[in-house]
Amino acid sequence: MISLAAEHITVTFKRRGAGRFKALDDVSLAIAPGAAVGLIGESGSGKSTLVRVLMGLQQPDSGRLLLDGSELNMRDARRQMRRQVQLIFQDAAGALNPRQTVFAALSEVLKVHGLQRTGRAALAAQIAELLARVGLPESLVRQYPRELSGGQCQRVCIARALAVQPAVLIADEPVSALDVSVQARILRLLAELRRSTGLSLLLVAHDLAVVKAVCEHAVVLQAGRVVEQGPPARLFTAPQHPYTRRLLAAVPRLPVEAMDR
């Protein structure tokens, strides 16, 4: 297990006709080995920019990125984290190639990382194992994304991320496009994967109830700055910052049962 941390990250962008603005302003976030951290904020709060920094896809103006306590050269961060850190996208169907079957999507990532088993039968068994880990039957291997439900597409994306045996999983709004009952099942899956694999999780969401269902710690981001953080249960019942209170008032509660950590 490894840790991932961003320290004092500032990212500035040019805005057409309005000079420069700070997408992130002195933001720090740490994910301990095996921990689950929630990153909460509305659209435009800086969540996606911070995710890009953590993935090594965005060069910050200042600050540093640490993997397992060692500072990463930002120019090489993407290469260094190709397998260690994996991203699950919000639009699961859009993240899958519509021309690829489930089998092709999973076998491709295994091949790219040199992890595929030798021989067709061995590879088929490897893919069946990946599908089983995310609660999908082997019979879906010949299906295309258009033939799957939203929840099934998201599970395939999770299986694809797990295929490279990452230490850290970043889930970027993984349930916001799904209906409530499917949301709960996907969140339970993420919680179970944490227990069974020991991987670390960053769950990005705009709904504190989603984060509360899975995470032990939450960070609230507004306009590129951290305005509050702490255990989700405390933020949920006694938020200190007006922005956190506004987020709680604006988003319907997700009826997710309490999960054992």
Protein backbone atom coordinates (compact mmCIF):
# COMPACT_ATOMS: atom_id res chain seq x y z
CA MET A 1 0.00 0.00 0.00
CA ILE A 2 1.16 3.52 -0.74
CA SER A 3 0.17 7.07 0.12
CA LEU A 4 -0.56 9.94 -2.25
CA ALA A 5 -0.41 13.60 -1.27
CA ALA A 6 -0.57 17.03 -2.82
CA GLU A 7 0.98 19.85 -0.81
CA HIS A 8 0.30 23.58 -1.26
CA ILE A 9 -0.85 23.20 -4.86
CA THR A 10 -1.63 26.34 -6.82
CA VAL A 11 -2.84 26.24 -10.43
CA THR A 12 -3.55 29.39 -12.44
CA PHE A 13 -5.38 29.55 -15.78
CA LYS A 14 -5.96 32.31 -18.28
CA ARG A 15 -9.58 33.40 -18.62
CA ARG A 16 -10.55 34.99 -21.90
CA GLY A 17 -11.12 38.71 -21.41
CA ALA A 18 -10.71 38.47 -17.64
CA GLY A 19 -7.01 37.95 -17.03
CA ARG A 20 -5.85 35.02 -14.90
CA PHE A 21 -7.64 33.19 -12.13
CA LYS A 22 -6.60 30.58 -9.59
CA ALA A 23 -8.29 27.23 -10.15
CA LEU A 24 -6.47 25.95 -7.05
CA ASP A 25 -5.06 28.19 -4.33
CA ASP A 26 -2.64 26.59 -1.84
CA VAL A 27 -4.55 23.28 -1.71
CA SER A 28 -3.21 20.33 0.28
CA LEU A 29 -4.73 16.84 0.39
CA ALA A 30 -3.33 13.55 1.67
CA ILE A 31 -4.53 9.98 1.13
CA ALA A 32 -2.93 7.59 3.61
CA PRO A 33 -2.33 3.93 2.70
CA GLY A 34 -5.65 2.09 2.67
CA ALA A 35 -7.63 5.24 3.52
CA ALA A 36 -10.72 6.65 1.82
CA VAL A 37 -10.89 10.43 1.41
CA GLY A 38 -13.80 12.36 -0.06
CA LEU A 39 -13.33 15.54 -2.11
CA ILE A 40 -16.50 17.62 -2.13
CA GLY A 41 -17.49 20.71 -4.07
CA GLU A 42 -19.76 22.14 -6.73
CA SER A 43 -18.92 22.43 -10.40
CA GLY A 44 -16.12 24.97 -10.75
CA SER A 45 -14.77 24.41 -7.26
CA GLY A 46 -11.48 23.01 -8.58
CA LYS A 47 -12.11 19.29 -8.03
CA SER A 48 -11.27 18.25 -11.59
CA THR A 49 -8.13 20.37 -11.67
CA LEU A 50 -6.92 18.77 -8.44
CA VAL A 51 -7.63 15.30 -9.86
CA ARG A 52 -5.54 16.14 -12.93
CA VAL A 53 -2.68 17.24 -10.67
CA LEU A 54 -2.92 14.01 -8.66
CA MET A 55 -2.87 11.99 -11.89
CA GLY A 56 0.20 13.85 -13.13
CA LEU A 57 -1.80 15.39 -16.00
CA GLN A 58 -1.67 19.00 -14.83
CA GLN A 59 1.49 20.92 -13.99
CA PRO A 60 0.85 23.17 -10.97
CA ASP A 61 2.33 26.65 -10.70
CA SER A 62 3.62 25.76 -7.24
CA GLY A 63 3.43 22.96 -4.69
CA ARG A 64 4.53 19.37 -4.83
CA LEU A 65 3.14 15.89 -5.37
CA LEU A 66 4.31 12.99 -3.19
CA LEU A 67 3.90 9.29 -3.83
CA ASP A 68 4.63 7.13 -0.80
CA GLY A 69 6.48 10.04 0.80
CA SER A 70 8.78 10.72 -2.15
CA GLU A 71 8.39 13.92 -4.15
CA LEU A 72 7.59 13.34 -7.81
CA ASN A 73 9.16 15.18 -10.67
CA MET A 74 5.99 16.65 -12.19
CA ARG A 75 7.32 16.13 -15.70
CA ASP A 76 7.60 12.42 -15.02
CA ALA A 77 4.63 12.03 -12.65
CA ARG A 78 2.28 10.62 -15.28
CA ARG A 79 4.73 7.90 -16.26
CA GLN A 80 5.61 7.10 -12.65
CA MET A 81 1.96 6.69 -11.68
CA ARG A 82 0.62 4.83 -14.71
CA ARG A 83 -0.12 1.73 -12.68
CA GLN A 84 -0.01 3.04 -9.13
CA VAL A 85 -2.92 5.48 -9.54
CA GLN A 86 -6.02 4.73 -11.60
CA LEU A 87 -9.01 6.94 -12.44
CA ILE A 88 -12.71 6.03 -12.69
CA PHE A 89 -14.66 8.55 -14.75
CA GLN A 90 -18.11 9.99 -14.14
CA ASP A 91 -19.38 9.11 -17.64
CA ALA A 92 -18.73 5.38 -17.64
CA ALA A 93 -20.36 4.73 -21.02
CA GLY A 94 -18.39 7.58 -22.59
CA ALA A 95 -15.15 6.23 -21.07
CA LEU A 96 -15.58 2.94 -22.91
CA ASN A 97 -14.85 2.52 -26.62
CA PRO A 98 -18.25 1.87 -28.25
CA ARG A 99 -16.57 -0.39 -30.82
CA GLN A 100 -14.98 -2.64 -28.21
CA THR A 101 -16.59 -5.52 -26.39
CA VAL A 102 -16.07 -5.88 -22.64
CA PHE A 103 -13.50 -8.57 -23.40
CA ALA A 104 -11.57 -6.27 -25.76
CA ALA A 105 -11.66 -3.33 -23.32
CA LEU A 106 -10.23 -5.38 -20.47
CA SER A 107 -7.74 -7.39 -22.51
CA GLU A 108 -6.40 -4.18 -24.08
CA VAL A 109 -5.43 -2.62 -20.74
CA LEU A 110 -3.85 -5.90 -19.59
CA LYS A 111 -1.82 -6.04 -22.80
CA VAL A 112 -0.68 -2.40 -22.59
CA HIS A 113 0.69 -2.99 -19.09
CA GLY A 114 2.13 -6.41 -19.87
CA LEU A 115 -0.14 -8.17 -17.39
CA GLN A 116 -2.10 -10.48 -19.69
CA ARG A 117 -1.84 -14.22 -19.19
CA THR A 118 -0.45 -16.26 -22.05
CA GLY A 119 -2.99 -18.13 -24.15
CA ARG A 120 -6.60 -17.40 -25.03
CA ALA A 121 -8.08 -19.63 -22.32
CA ALA A 122 -5.85 -18.16 -19.62
CA LEU A 123 -6.69 -14.62 -20.71
CA ALA A 124 -10.41 -15.43 -20.73
CA ALA A 125 -10.12 -16.78 -17.18
CA GLN A 126 -8.23 -13.64 -16.11
CA ILE A 127 -10.99 -11.39 -17.49
CA ALA A 128 -13.69 -13.53 -15.89
CA GLU A 129 -11.92 -13.06 -12.55
CA LEU A 130 -11.88 -9.28 -13.03
CA LEU A 131 -15.59 -9.24 -13.82
CA ALA A 132 -16.35 -11.41 -10.80
CA ARG A 133 -14.51 -8.93 -8.54
CA VAL A 134 -16.96 -6.21 -9.57
CA GLY A 135 -20.03 -8.44 -9.46
CA LEU A 136 -20.51 -9.00 -13.19
CA PRO A 137 -21.12 -12.37 -14.90
CA GLU A 138 -18.67 -13.77 -17.44
CA SER A 139 -21.51 -13.81 -19.98
CA LEU A 140 -21.08 -10.05 -20.52
CA VAL A 141 -17.67 -10.40 -22.19
CA ARG A 142 -19.16 -10.21 -25.70
CA GLN A 143 -21.39 -7.24 -24.95
CA TYR A 144 -20.78 -3.71 -26.23
CA PRO A 145 -21.23 -0.62 -24.01
CA ARG A 146 -24.56 0.20 -25.71
CA GLU A 147 -25.88 -3.17 -24.56
CA LEU A 148 -25.04 -2.55 -20.90
CA SER A 149 -26.87 -0.59 -18.23
CA GLY A 150 -25.26 2.47 -16.65
CA GLY A 151 -24.36 0.49 -13.55
CA GLN A 152 -22.83 -2.31 -15.62
CA CYS A 153 -20.74 0.18 -17.61
CA GLN A 154 -19.44 1.68 -14.37
CA ARG A 155 -18.54 -1.78 -13.04
CA VAL A 156 -16.63 -2.53 -16.26
CA CYS A 157 -14.71 0.74 -15.80
CA ILE A 158 -13.89 -0.23 -12.22
CA ALA A 159 -12.73 -3.66 -13.41
CA ARG A 160 -10.53 -1.98 -16.02
CA ALA A 161 -8.94 0.21 -13.34
CA LEU A 162 -8.39 -2.79 -11.06
CA ALA A 163 -6.77 -4.77 -13.89
CA VAL A 164 -3.44 -2.99 -13.40
CA GLN A 165 -3.46 -3.64 -9.63
CA PRO A 166 -3.31 0.02 -8.53
CA ALA A 167 -2.50 1.21 -5.05
CA VAL A 168 -4.73 4.29 -5.31
CA LEU A 169 -8.12 4.57 -6.98
CA ILE A 170 -9.53 8.00 -7.85
CA ALA A 171 -13.28 7.88 -8.47
CA ASP A 172 -14.42 11.12 -10.11
CA GLU A 173 -18.19 11.50 -9.51
CA PRO A 174 -18.64 7.76 -10.15
CA VAL A 175 -22.34 7.59 -9.24
CA SER A 176 -23.76 11.01 -10.17
CA ALA A 177 -25.06 9.77 -13.54
CA LEU A 178 -26.78 6.71 -12.03
CA ASP A 179 -30.17 6.30 -10.42
CA VAL A 180 -30.35 6.11 -6.64
CA SER A 181 -30.58 2.32 -6.25
CA VAL A 182 -27.63 1.77 -8.59
CA GLN A 183 -25.63 4.47 -6.78
CA ALA A 184 -25.94 2.56 -3.54
CA ARG A 185 -24.73 -0.68 -5.12
CA ILE A 186 -21.69 0.98 -6.71
CA LEU A 187 -20.77 2.64 -3.39
CA ARG A 188 -21.03 -0.71 -1.61
CA LEU A 189 -18.78 -2.21 -4.28
CA LEU A 190 -16.14 0.48 -3.72
CA ALA A 191 -16.29 -0.09 0.03
CA GLU A 192 -15.93 -3.86 -0.42
CA LEU A 193 -12.99 -3.44 -2.81
CA ARG A 194 -11.24 -1.33 -0.19
CA ARG A 195 -11.70 -4.06 2.40
CA SER A 196 -10.61 -6.87 0.10
CA THR A 197 -7.64 -5.20 -1.63
CA GLY A 198 -6.43 -2.55 0.82
CA LEU A 199 -6.25 0.07 -1.89
CA SER A 200 -6.54 3.78 -1.10
CA LEU A 201 -9.51 5.72 -2.46
CA LEU A 202 -10.20 9.34 -3.37
CA LEU A 203 -13.92 9.76 -3.94
CA VAL A 204 -14.83 12.99 -5.74
CA ALA A 205 -18.44 14.11 -5.32
CA HIS A 206 -20.73 17.08 -4.88
CA ASP A 207 -22.91 15.19 -2.37
CA LEU A 208 -21.63 14.78 1.18
CA ALA A 209 -24.00 11.85 1.71
CA VAL A 210 -22.15 9.90 -1.00
CA VAL A 211 -18.82 10.60 0.69
CA LYS A 212 -20.21 9.76 4.14
CA ALA A 213 -21.18 6.30 2.91
CA VAL A 214 -17.62 5.31 2.02
CA CYS A 215 -14.98 7.69 3.42
CA GLU A 216 -13.38 8.38 6.81
CA HIS A 217 -12.23 11.89 5.93
CA ALA A 218 -13.67 14.62 3.71
CA VAL A 219 -12.24 17.80 2.21
CA VAL A 220 -14.59 20.58 1.07
CA LEU A 221 -13.35 22.69 -1.83
CA GLN A 222 -14.82 26.06 -2.81
CA ALA A 223 -13.46 28.30 -5.57
CA GLY A 224 -10.12 26.52 -5.47
CA ARG A 225 -9.60 26.67 -1.71
CA VAL A 226 -10.12 24.15 1.09
CA VAL A 227 -12.79 25.70 3.34
CA GLU A 228 -13.45 22.79 5.69
CA GLN A 229 -12.37 19.22 6.33
CA GLY A 230 -12.90 16.43 8.83
CA PRO A 231 -14.86 13.22 9.39
CA PRO A 232 -17.92 13.14 7.07
CA ALA A 233 -20.23 12.33 9.98
CA ARG A 234 -19.21 15.56 11.70
CA LEU A 235 -19.48 17.63 8.53
CA PHE A 236 -22.87 16.06 7.88
CA THR A 237 -24.32 16.84 11.31
CA ALA A 238 -22.41 19.97 12.36
CA PRO A 239 -20.87 21.77 9.36
CA GLN A 240 -18.85 24.83 10.34
CA HIS A 241 -18.54 26.66 7.02
CA PRO A 242 -21.54 28.32 5.28
CA TYR A 243 -20.54 26.69 1.97
CA THR A 244 -20.68 23.21 3.51
CA ARG A 245 -24.08 24.00 4.98
CA ARG A 246 -25.26 25.15 1.56
CA LEU A 247 -24.08 21.94 -0.08
CA LEU A 248 -25.99 19.90 2.48
CA ALA A 249 -29.16 21.92 1.98
CA ALA A 250 -29.03 21.75 -1.83
CA VAL A 251 -28.49 18.04 -2.46
CA PRO A 252 -31.09 15.31 -1.77
CA ARG A 253 -30.00 12.67 0.72
CA LEU A 254 -28.80 9.38 -0.73
CA PRO A 255 -30.41 6.49 1.19
CA VAL A 256 -27.27 4.40 1.54
CA GLU A 257 -27.14 2.01 4.46
CA ALA A 258 -24.30 2.40 6.94
CA MET A 259 -21.23 0.44 5.89
CA ASP A 260 -18.64 -1.22 8.06
CA ARG A 261 -15.28 0.44 7.58
